[in-house]
Each structure stands twice: as C-alpha cells, then as structure tokens.
Amino acid sequence: MLALPGTASAFRDCCFARSIPPRLVGVTLNGPIDQVLGSLERAGFGDYDPGNRRISGLGYLTGMRLDAPPAGSDQIGGQVLGPSIVCFEMMCGSGGGAMLMTMGGQPNGARLLRVVIAVVPDLDAACRTMEGSKRGPWATPRFGEPYDDPSLGARVRETRIGLGSLRLIAPTDPDGPAARWLANGGTRWIGFAVEVGDLYATEQWLTRSKVPFVRDIARGDAVVRIDPAELGGLLVEFVPSGRF
C-alpha cells in the first residue's frame, strides 16, 4: 500500500533491498459499500468476497466517508486520492507473483488492472507534486512527456509502475469529458482502466446489460469507456490486451 509516509518508506526499503520495482495490483474504492459495489457490478465486476470486501484482482471496498478532503484544493496525493478511490495498492515480489493478481470470473472479461486515472486542473504542477512526494529509487514516480487525448479533450502524462501506470489528465477542451469531470467533482483520482481479453466481447456484454459506453481511440488504440455519470462518479475504461 502506498498511502502514509511510514508505509511508503517500508515499502520502498523492501523493494530496494530485493532490487524489484513495485507493481500496481489494486485500488481501494471509497464510499457506502452497497453504492460502490452497485457501481462496480453495473460495470461488470463480479467475484466479490463479502468477507474481505474485495473484488479479486481489482481491490478493496471501504466504508470511509466521502467528504474526506484531498491533499489540497488543486493537488492530488497518496493518502486520500478522491471521493471514489482512496489509494492505489502495489506489491513487490516475483513477476510470477504479480501475475497471480490477475482477475478471474468477471462478467465484463476484465483480466488485469492497468491504469489508475486522476483528473487535475494543472497537469505539470500535479506531476511535480507527485514526483516530489516520495523518495527512493522505486517509490518516486517519474512522469513521461505529455500527449493529447482528443477523445477526452485533455492533455495527459503517465508514469509506469511495473505492469500498470498512473495517469494524470488535465482538460484542454472546455466542452470535453475531462472538463466536465473536473467541474463535477474537482481534482481527484477518478477511475481506472482494465485489460480485457476480447474488447468486442466486453462491448457485447455492456450492450446486453444496457450499460451506456463509448468506444474511442486513444494513441492509436481502441478504448471502451463508461462515463462517471453512469457509475456514481467512477470512470471505468476497458483496453485490449497488449495496449501497454
């Protein structure tokens, strides 16, 4: 878990000692359990363990309050990342161990968590905040060069974390989806992307289940996106195998 300074330090030391970088393996979803679970079920995530309040391969559900303040009015941080996602989880260990965190039995065909996504007003400032928030060779994110995503009306930067990424998006089109999401909920970690084995099959499942979605092209690859308005404020994207 990368959330509190002490935890981050222990996590960094563990990975450094073993010379193994961390991998993104889950998220913690915040809010009334029934509401959060209902949103995830609508998006096609099953395999729910009520005893542990966990969806296999995706992460945990918590009963924390929705009104917890973010790190700053225009910043994101590692402790409270938004009204829907509290923190992202990582692990260090063998590559085979990471593959054991894959999903199974999800109606939507999800196989692996790939990206955790935040919406911010100032992309470069948010990246500087994240890059300066942790110390150590593995715990400090380093964001790549920005690129434009016309499907979101946004400028984007990412940092790779093993098999996944953290992605920050900032609106460039005042009428685009990213601007609407920022206006409706402010700076926050808003959602995630998962890899599926057959994107067309995922679209068919969503269609049969009457879940509205859009199919867009991002950096030359197809992405199926469920808008946060459909899932109580949570953004869910599906990407094909090999997208990363």
C-alpha atoms as a PDB file:
ATOM      1  CA  MET A   1       0.000   0.000   0.000  1.00  0.00           C
ATOM      2  CA  LEU A   2       1.377   3.418  -0.873  1.00  0.00           C
ATOM      3  CA  ALA A   3      -0.551   5.742   1.374  1.00  0.00           C
ATOM      4  CA  LEU A   4       1.162   7.005   4.518  1.00  0.00           C
ATOM      5  CA  PRO A   5       4.819   8.121   4.811  1.00  0.00           C
ATOM      6  CA  GLY A   6       5.803   5.273   7.150  1.00  0.00           C
ATOM      7  CA  THR A   7       4.182   2.698   4.899  1.00  0.00           C
ATOM      8  CA  ALA A   8       5.803   4.199   1.822  1.00  0.00           C
ATOM      9  CA  SER A   9       9.231   4.101   3.476  1.00  0.00           C
ATOM     10  CA  ALA A  10       8.867   0.462   4.465  1.00  0.00           C
ATOM     11  CA  PHE A  11       7.589  -0.398   1.021  1.00  0.00           C
ATOM     12  CA  ARG A  12      10.479   1.444  -0.634  1.00  0.00           C
ATOM     13  CA  ASP A  13      13.039  -0.276   1.593  1.00  0.00           C
ATOM     14  CA  CYS A  14      11.530  -3.696   0.866  1.00  0.00           C
ATOM     15  CA  CYS A  15      11.682  -3.177  -2.883  1.00  0.00           C
ATOM     16  CA  PHE A  16      15.146  -1.629  -2.777  1.00  0.00           C
ATOM     17  CA  ALA A  17      16.564  -4.496  -0.718  1.00  0.00           C
ATOM     18  CA  ARG A  18      15.184  -7.017  -3.186  1.00  0.00           C
ATOM     19  CA  SER A  19      16.009  -4.896  -6.257  1.00  0.00           C
ATOM     20  CA  ILE A  20      12.459  -5.419  -7.506  1.00  0.00           C
ATOM     21  CA  PRO A  21      10.298  -2.476  -8.549  1.00  0.00           C
ATOM     22  CA  PRO A  22       6.696  -2.289  -7.337  1.00  0.00           C
ATOM     23  CA  ARG A  23       3.723  -3.227  -9.478  1.00  0.00           C
ATOM     24  CA  LEU A  24       0.242  -1.784  -9.469  1.00  0.00           C
ATOM     25  CA  VAL A  25      -2.087  -4.517  -8.211  1.00  0.00           C
ATOM     26  CA  GLY A  26      -5.236  -2.835  -6.945  1.00  0.00           C
ATOM     27  CA  VAL A  27      -7.187   0.188  -5.798  1.00  0.00           C
ATOM     28  CA  THR A  28      -9.235   0.931  -2.706  1.00  0.00           C
ATOM     29  CA  LEU A  29     -12.729   2.159  -3.582  1.00  0.00           C
ATOM     30  CA  ASN A  30     -14.323   4.506  -1.088  1.00  0.00           C
ATOM     31  CA  GLY A  31     -17.939   5.098  -0.073  1.00  0.00           C
ATOM     32  CA  PRO A  32     -21.062   3.309   1.153  1.00  0.00           C
ATOM     33  CA  ILE A  33     -20.374  -0.355   0.386  1.00  0.00           C
ATOM     34  CA  ASP A  34     -23.690  -1.021  -1.335  1.00  0.00           C
ATOM     35  CA  GLN A  35     -23.330   2.049  -3.548  1.00  0.00           C
ATOM     36  CA  VAL A  36     -19.731   1.290  -4.544  1.00  0.00           C
ATOM     37  CA  LEU A  37     -20.445  -2.386  -5.110  1.00  0.00           C
ATOM     38  CA  GLY A  38     -23.518  -1.498  -7.150  1.00  0.00           C
ATOM     39  CA  SER A  39     -21.432   0.737  -9.435  1.00  0.00           C
ATOM     40  CA  LEU A  40     -18.802  -1.972  -9.914  1.00  0.00           C
ATOM     41  CA  GLU A  41     -21.408  -4.662 -10.546  1.00  0.00           C
ATOM     42  CA  ARG A  42     -23.050  -2.408 -13.141  1.00  0.00           C
ATOM     43  CA  ALA A  43     -19.662  -2.148 -14.870  1.00  0.00           C
ATOM     44  CA  GLY A  44     -19.411  -5.946 -14.910  1.00  0.00           C
ATOM     45  CA  PHE A  45     -17.156  -6.706 -11.966  1.00  0.00           C
ATOM     46  CA  GLY A  46     -18.195  -9.803 -10.027  1.00  0.00           C
ATOM     47  CA  ASP A  47     -16.165 -12.304  -7.994  1.00  0.00           C
ATOM     48  CA  TYR A  48     -16.894 -10.308  -4.833  1.00  0.00           C
ATOM     49  CA  ASP A  49     -15.687 -11.656  -1.482  1.00  0.00           C
ATOM     50  CA  PRO A  50     -18.007 -10.080   1.113  1.00  0.00           C
ATOM     51  CA  GLY A  51     -15.863 -11.347   3.997  1.00  0.00           C
ATOM     52  CA  ASN A  52     -12.866  -9.351   2.806  1.00  0.00           C
ATOM     53  CA  ARG A  53     -14.881  -6.707   0.933  1.00  0.00           C
ATOM     54  CA  ARG A  54     -12.684  -7.330  -2.087  1.00  0.00           C
ATOM     55  CA  ILE A  55     -13.148  -7.913  -5.803  1.00  0.00           C
ATOM     56  CA  SER A  56     -10.486 -10.341  -6.931  1.00  0.00           C
ATOM     57  CA  GLY A  57      -7.666  -8.630  -8.801  1.00  0.00           C
ATOM     58  CA  LEU A  58      -9.239  -5.177  -8.571  1.00  0.00           C
ATOM     59  CA  GLY A  59      -9.081  -4.094  -4.943  1.00  0.00           C
ATOM     60  CA  TYR A  60     -10.925  -3.412  -1.726  1.00  0.00           C
ATOM     61  CA  LEU A  61     -14.127  -1.584  -0.875  1.00  0.00           C
ATOM     62  CA  THR A  62     -14.133   0.622   2.212  1.00  0.00           C
ATOM     63  CA  GLY A  63     -16.792   2.334   4.287  1.00  0.00           C
ATOM     64  CA  MET A  64     -14.840   5.566   4.635  1.00  0.00           C
ATOM     65  CA  ARG A  65     -16.596   8.914   4.446  1.00  0.00           C
ATOM     66  CA  LEU A  66     -16.966  10.523   1.033  1.00  0.00           C
ATOM     67  CA  ASP A  67     -16.254  14.034   2.323  1.00  0.00           C
ATOM     68  CA  ALA A  68     -12.616  13.435   3.322  1.00  0.00           C
ATOM     69  CA  PRO A  69     -10.591  16.368   1.932  1.00  0.00           C
ATOM     70  CA  PRO A  70      -7.996  15.814  -0.799  1.00  0.00           C
ATOM     71  CA  ALA A  71      -4.332  16.692  -0.306  1.00  0.00           C
ATOM     72  CA  GLY A  72      -5.083  20.246  -1.469  1.00  0.00           C
ATOM     73  CA  SER A  73      -7.708  22.139  -3.369  1.00  0.00           C
ATOM     74  CA  ASP A  74      -5.806  21.675  -6.609  1.00  0.00           C
ATOM     75  CA  GLN A  75      -3.466  18.822  -5.761  1.00  0.00           C
ATOM     76  CA  ILE A  76      -3.512  15.062  -5.566  1.00  0.00           C
ATOM     77  CA  GLY A  77      -1.567  12.978  -3.108  1.00  0.00           C
ATOM     78  CA  GLY A  78      -1.061   9.454  -1.860  1.00  0.00           C
ATOM     79  CA  GLN A  79      -3.312   9.340   1.191  1.00  0.00           C
ATOM     80  CA  VAL A  80      -6.776  10.491   0.140  1.00  0.00           C
ATOM     81  CA  LEU A  81      -6.966  10.449  -3.624  1.00  0.00           C
ATOM     82  CA  GLY A  82     -10.591  11.283  -4.215  1.00  0.00           C
ATOM     83  CA  PRO A  83     -14.216  10.556  -3.405  1.00  0.00           C
ATOM     84  CA  SER A  84     -14.159   7.243  -5.280  1.00  0.00           C
ATOM     85  CA  ILE A  85     -10.613   5.939  -4.934  1.00  0.00           C
ATOM     86  CA  VAL A  86      -8.767   6.298  -1.637  1.00  0.00           C
ATOM     87  CA  CYS A  87      -5.384   4.868  -2.547  1.00  0.00           C
ATOM     88  CA  PHE A  88      -3.653   2.632  -5.026  1.00  0.00           C
ATOM     89  CA  GLU A  89      -2.032  -0.594  -3.913  1.00  0.00           C
ATOM     90  CA  MET A  90       1.264  -2.070  -5.008  1.00  0.00           C
ATOM     91  CA  MET A  91       3.340  -5.115  -4.207  1.00  0.00           C
ATOM     92  CA  CYS A  92       6.939  -6.146  -4.642  1.00  0.00           C
ATOM     93  CA  GLY A  93       7.943  -9.715  -5.359  1.00  0.00           C
ATOM     94  CA  SER A  94       8.498 -12.014  -8.279  1.00  0.00           C
ATOM     95  CA  GLY A  95       6.930 -11.334 -11.649  1.00  0.00           C
ATOM     96  CA  GLY A  96       5.008 -14.583 -11.278  1.00  0.00           C
ATOM     97  CA  GLY A  97       3.548 -13.307  -8.029  1.00  0.00           C
ATOM     98  CA  ALA A  98       2.221 -10.243  -9.812  1.00  0.00           C
ATOM     99  CA  MET A  99       0.540 -12.392 -12.426  1.00  0.00           C
ATOM    100  CA  LEU A 100      -1.339 -14.175  -9.640  1.00  0.00           C
ATOM    101  CA  MET A 101      -3.153 -10.871  -9.049  1.00  0.00           C
ATOM    102  CA  THR A 102      -5.000 -11.164 -12.348  1.00  0.00           C
ATOM    103  CA  MET A 103      -8.771 -11.119 -12.277  1.00  0.00           C
ATOM    104  CA  GLY A 104     -10.951 -14.097 -12.993  1.00  0.00           C
ATOM    105  CA  GLY A 105     -14.638 -14.677 -13.459  1.00  0.00           C
ATOM    106  CA  GLN A 106     -15.518 -11.076 -14.259  1.00  0.00           C
ATOM    107  CA  PRO A 107     -18.647 -10.807 -16.452  1.00  0.00           C
ATOM    108  CA  ASN A 108     -17.058  -7.944 -18.400  1.00  0.00           C
ATOM    109  CA  GLY A 109     -13.985 -10.032 -19.278  1.00  0.00           C
ATOM    110  CA  ALA A 110     -11.535  -7.972 -17.173  1.00  0.00           C
ATOM    111  CA  ARG A 111      -8.167  -9.652 -16.670  1.00  0.00           C
ATOM    112  CA  LEU A 112      -5.724  -7.165 -15.177  1.00  0.00           C
ATOM    113  CA  LEU A 113      -5.712  -3.690 -13.648  1.00  0.00           C
ATOM    114  CA  ARG A 114      -3.644  -1.463 -15.921  1.00  0.00           C
ATOM    115  CA  VAL A 115      -4.093   2.219 -15.022  1.00  0.00           C
ATOM    116  CA  VAL A 116      -5.312   4.400 -12.178  1.00  0.00           C
ATOM    117  CA  ILE A 117      -6.541   7.758 -13.516  1.00  0.00           C
ATOM    118  CA  ALA A 118      -6.696  11.238 -11.954  1.00  0.00           C
ATOM    119  CA  VAL A 119      -8.218  14.449 -13.288  1.00  0.00           C
ATOM    120  CA  VAL A 120      -6.394  17.668 -12.374  1.00  0.00           C
ATOM    121  CA  PRO A 121      -6.563  21.351 -13.410  1.00  0.00           C
ATOM    122  CA  ASP A 122      -2.801  21.821 -13.898  1.00  0.00           C
ATOM    123  CA  LEU A 123      -1.048  18.782 -15.359  1.00  0.00           C
ATOM    124  CA  ASP A 124       2.577  19.802 -14.872  1.00  0.00           C
ATOM    125  CA  ALA A 125       2.005  21.078 -11.337  1.00  0.00           C
ATOM    126  CA  ALA A 126       0.286  17.826 -10.369  1.00  0.00           C
ATOM    127  CA  CYS A 127       3.158  15.797 -11.813  1.00  0.00           C
ATOM    128  CA  ARG A 128       5.687  17.878  -9.884  1.00  0.00           C
ATOM    129  CA  THR A 129       3.689  17.284  -6.693  1.00  0.00           C
ATOM    130  CA  MET A 130       3.646  13.529  -7.258  1.00  0.00           C
ATOM    131  CA  GLU A 131       7.312  13.382  -8.258  1.00  0.00           C
ATOM    132  CA  GLY A 132       8.309  15.248  -5.110  1.00  0.00           C
ATOM    133  CA  SER A 133       6.044  13.333  -2.740  1.00  0.00           C
ATOM    134  CA  LYS A 134       8.166  10.203  -2.224  1.00  0.00           C
ATOM    135  CA  ARG A 135      11.859   9.417  -2.009  1.00  0.00           C
ATOM    136  CA  GLY A 136      13.775   6.354  -3.062  1.00  0.00           C
ATOM    137  CA  PRO A 137      14.537   4.599  -6.329  1.00  0.00           C
ATOM    138  CA  TRP A 138      11.215   2.785  -6.661  1.00  0.00           C
ATOM    139  CA  ALA A 139       8.687   4.862  -4.712  1.00  0.00           C
ATOM    140  CA  THR A 140       9.223   8.105  -6.640  1.00  0.00           C
ATOM    141  CA  PRO A 141       7.124   8.376  -9.807  1.00  0.00           C
ATOM    142  CA  ARG A 142       8.665   9.885 -12.924  1.00  0.00           C
ATOM    143  CA  PHE A 143       6.096  11.085 -15.441  1.00  0.00           C
ATOM    144  CA  GLY A 144       6.703  10.922 -19.173  1.00  0.00           C
ATOM    145  CA  GLU A 145       6.218  13.627 -21.756  1.00  0.00           C
ATOM    146  CA  PRO A 146       2.671  14.975 -22.207  1.00  0.00           C
ATOM    147  CA  TYR A 147       0.432  13.928 -25.066  1.00  0.00           C
ATOM    148  CA  ASP A 148      -3.017  14.985 -26.221  1.00  0.00           C
ATOM    149  CA  ASP A 149      -6.084  12.764 -25.985  1.00  0.00           C
ATOM    150  CA  PRO A 150      -8.768  14.346 -28.204  1.00  0.00           C
ATOM    151  CA  SER A 151     -11.326  11.764 -27.059  1.00  0.00           C
ATOM    152  CA  LEU A 152     -11.156  13.306 -23.564  1.00  0.00           C
ATOM    153  CA  GLY A 153     -10.344  16.868 -24.573  1.00  0.00           C
ATOM    154  CA  ALA A 154      -7.310  16.562 -22.323  1.00  0.00           C
ATOM    155  CA  ARG A 155      -3.553  16.662 -22.026  1.00  0.00           C
ATOM    156  CA  VAL A 156      -2.111  13.529 -20.429  1.00  0.00           C
ATOM    157  CA  ARG A 157       1.020  12.338 -18.630  1.00  0.00           C
ATOM    158  CA  GLU A 158       1.748   8.867 -17.268  1.00  0.00           C
ATOM    159  CA  THR A 159       4.250   7.077 -15.088  1.00  0.00           C
ATOM    160  CA  ARG A 160       4.774   3.350 -15.462  1.00  0.00           C
ATOM    161  CA  ILE A 161       4.603   1.100 -12.413  1.00  0.00           C
ATOM    162  CA  GLY A 162       5.547  -2.403 -13.471  1.00  0.00           C
ATOM    163  CA  LEU A 163       2.561  -3.880 -15.273  1.00  0.00           C
ATOM    164  CA  GLY A 164       0.490  -0.721 -14.900  1.00  0.00           C
ATOM    165  CA  SER A 165       0.546   3.070 -14.872  1.00  0.00           C
ATOM    166  CA  LEU A 166      -0.659   6.136 -13.039  1.00  0.00           C
ATOM    167  CA  ARG A 167      -2.260   8.584 -15.487  1.00  0.00           C
ATOM    168  CA  LEU A 168      -2.991  12.271 -14.892  1.00  0.00           C
ATOM    169  CA  ILE A 169      -5.325  14.149 -17.236  1.00  0.00           C
ATOM    170  CA  ALA A 170      -5.986  17.884 -17.436  1.00  0.00           C
ATOM    171  CA  PRO A 171      -8.719  19.479 -19.586  1.00  0.00           C
ATOM    172  CA  THR A 172      -7.780  21.375 -22.730  1.00  0.00           C
ATOM    173  CA  ASP A 173     -11.264  21.488 -24.300  1.00  0.00           C
ATOM    174  CA  PRO A 174     -13.797  23.315 -22.086  1.00  0.00           C
ATOM    175  CA  ASP A 175     -16.569  21.236 -23.644  1.00  0.00           C
ATOM    176  CA  GLY A 176     -14.785  17.873 -23.422  1.00  0.00           C
ATOM    177  CA  PRO A 177     -15.350  14.996 -20.979  1.00  0.00           C
ATOM    178  CA  ALA A 178     -12.309  15.819 -18.818  1.00  0.00           C
ATOM    179  CA  ALA A 179     -13.520  19.387 -18.249  1.00  0.00           C
ATOM    180  CA  ARG A 180     -16.954  18.073 -17.276  1.00  0.00           C
ATOM    181  CA  TRP A 181     -15.479  15.549 -14.844  1.00  0.00           C
ATOM    182  CA  LEU A 182     -13.286  18.192 -13.222  1.00  0.00           C
ATOM    183  CA  ALA A 183     -16.218  20.617 -12.931  1.00  0.00           C
ATOM    184  CA  ASN A 184     -18.460  17.945 -11.424  1.00  0.00           C
ATOM    185  CA  GLY A 185     -16.078  16.637  -8.781  1.00  0.00           C
ATOM    186  CA  GLY A 186     -12.864  18.631  -8.646  1.00  0.00           C
ATOM    187  CA  THR A 187      -9.318  17.305  -8.522  1.00  0.00           C
ATOM    188  CA  ARG A 188      -9.316  13.614  -7.731  1.00  0.00           C
ATOM    189  CA  TRP A 189      -8.391  10.079  -8.676  1.00  0.00           C
ATOM    190  CA  ILE A 190     -11.458   9.370 -10.756  1.00  0.00           C
ATOM    191  CA  GLY A 191     -11.152   5.818 -12.062  1.00  0.00           C
ATOM    192  CA  PHE A 192      -9.143   3.064 -13.646  1.00  0.00           C
ATOM    193  CA  ALA A 193      -8.548   1.069 -16.819  1.00  0.00           C
ATOM    194  CA  VAL A 194      -8.503  -2.721 -17.006  1.00  0.00           C
ATOM    195  CA  GLU A 195      -7.232  -5.053 -19.698  1.00  0.00           C
ATOM    196  CA  VAL A 196      -9.729  -7.438 -21.287  1.00  0.00           C
ATOM    197  CA  GLY A 197      -9.097 -10.468 -23.469  1.00  0.00           C
ATOM    198  CA  ASP A 198     -11.703  -9.567 -26.094  1.00  0.00           C
ATOM    199  CA  LEU A 199     -12.786  -5.939 -26.313  1.00  0.00           C
ATOM    200  CA  TYR A 200     -15.657  -6.756 -28.662  1.00  0.00           C
ATOM    201  CA  ALA A 201     -16.999  -9.350 -26.213  1.00  0.00           C
ATOM    202  CA  THR A 202     -16.849  -6.716 -23.465  1.00  0.00           C
ATOM    203  CA  GLU A 203     -18.843  -4.328 -25.652  1.00  0.00           C
ATOM    204  CA  GLN A 204     -21.427  -7.048 -26.276  1.00  0.00           C
ATOM    205  CA  TRP A 205     -21.769  -7.700 -22.540  1.00  0.00           C
ATOM    206  CA  LEU A 206     -22.222  -3.983 -21.814  1.00  0.00           C
ATOM    207  CA  THR A 207     -24.806  -3.721 -24.590  1.00  0.00           C
ATOM    208  CA  ARG A 208     -26.776  -6.731 -23.308  1.00  0.00           C
ATOM    209  CA  SER A 209     -26.618  -5.298 -19.784  1.00  0.00           C
ATOM    210  CA  LYS A 210     -27.815  -1.889 -21.067  1.00  0.00           C
ATOM    211  CA  VAL A 211     -24.760  -0.068 -19.733  1.00  0.00           C
ATOM    212  CA  PRO A 212     -24.050   3.042 -21.850  1.00  0.00           C
ATOM    213  CA  PHE A 213     -20.482   3.319 -23.095  1.00  0.00           C
ATOM    214  CA  VAL A 214     -18.422   4.972 -25.795  1.00  0.00           C
ATOM    215  CA  ARG A 215     -15.706   3.478 -27.959  1.00  0.00           C
ATOM    216  CA  ASP A 216     -12.837   5.858 -28.615  1.00  0.00           C
ATOM    217  CA  ILE A 217      -9.333   5.794 -29.991  1.00  0.00           C
ATOM    218  CA  ALA A 218      -6.510   6.849 -27.665  1.00  0.00           C
ATOM    219  CA  ARG A 219      -2.968   6.932 -29.040  1.00  0.00           C
ATOM    220  CA  GLY A 220      -3.969   4.661 -31.890  1.00  0.00           C
ATOM    221  CA  ASP A 221      -5.665   2.006 -29.772  1.00  0.00           C
ATOM    222  CA  ALA A 222      -9.329   1.315 -29.063  1.00  0.00           C
ATOM    223  CA  VAL A 223     -10.699   2.008 -25.611  1.00  0.00           C
ATOM    224  CA  VAL A 224     -14.210   1.342 -24.282  1.00  0.00           C
ATOM    225  CA  ARG A 225     -15.204   3.906 -21.672  1.00  0.00           C
ATOM    226  CA  ILE A 226     -18.066   4.086 -19.160  1.00  0.00           C
ATOM    227  CA  ASP A 227     -18.635   7.686 -18.139  1.00  0.00           C
ATOM    228  CA  PRO A 228     -18.557   8.525 -14.417  1.00  0.00           C
ATOM    229  CA  ALA A 229     -22.145   9.770 -14.704  1.00  0.00           C
ATOM    230  CA  GLU A 230     -23.210   6.133 -15.187  1.00  0.00           C
ATOM    231  CA  LEU A 231     -21.281   4.770 -12.184  1.00  0.00           C
ATOM    232  CA  GLY A 232     -21.784   7.196  -9.326  1.00  0.00           C
ATOM    233  CA  GLY A 233     -18.701   9.246 -10.220  1.00  0.00           C
ATOM    234  CA  LEU A 234     -16.367   6.371 -11.101  1.00  0.00           C
ATOM    235  CA  LEU A 235     -14.643   6.236 -14.512  1.00  0.00           C
ATOM    236  CA  VAL A 236     -14.024   2.740 -15.921  1.00  0.00           C
ATOM    237  CA  GLU A 237     -12.117   2.028 -19.125  1.00  0.00           C
ATOM    238  CA  PHE A 238     -11.516  -1.274 -20.907  1.00  0.00           C
ATOM    239  CA  VAL A 239      -8.453  -1.727 -23.109  1.00  0.00           C
ATOM    240  CA  PRO A 240      -7.359  -4.689 -25.241  1.00  0.00           C
ATOM    241  CA  SER A 241      -4.500  -6.993 -24.377  1.00  0.00           C
ATOM    242  CA  GLY A 242      -1.200  -5.523 -25.489  1.00  0.00           C
ATOM    243  CA  ARG A 243      -2.343  -1.898 -25.034  1.00  0.00           C
ATOM    244  CA  PHE A 244       0.698  -1.435 -22.802  1.00  0.00           C
END
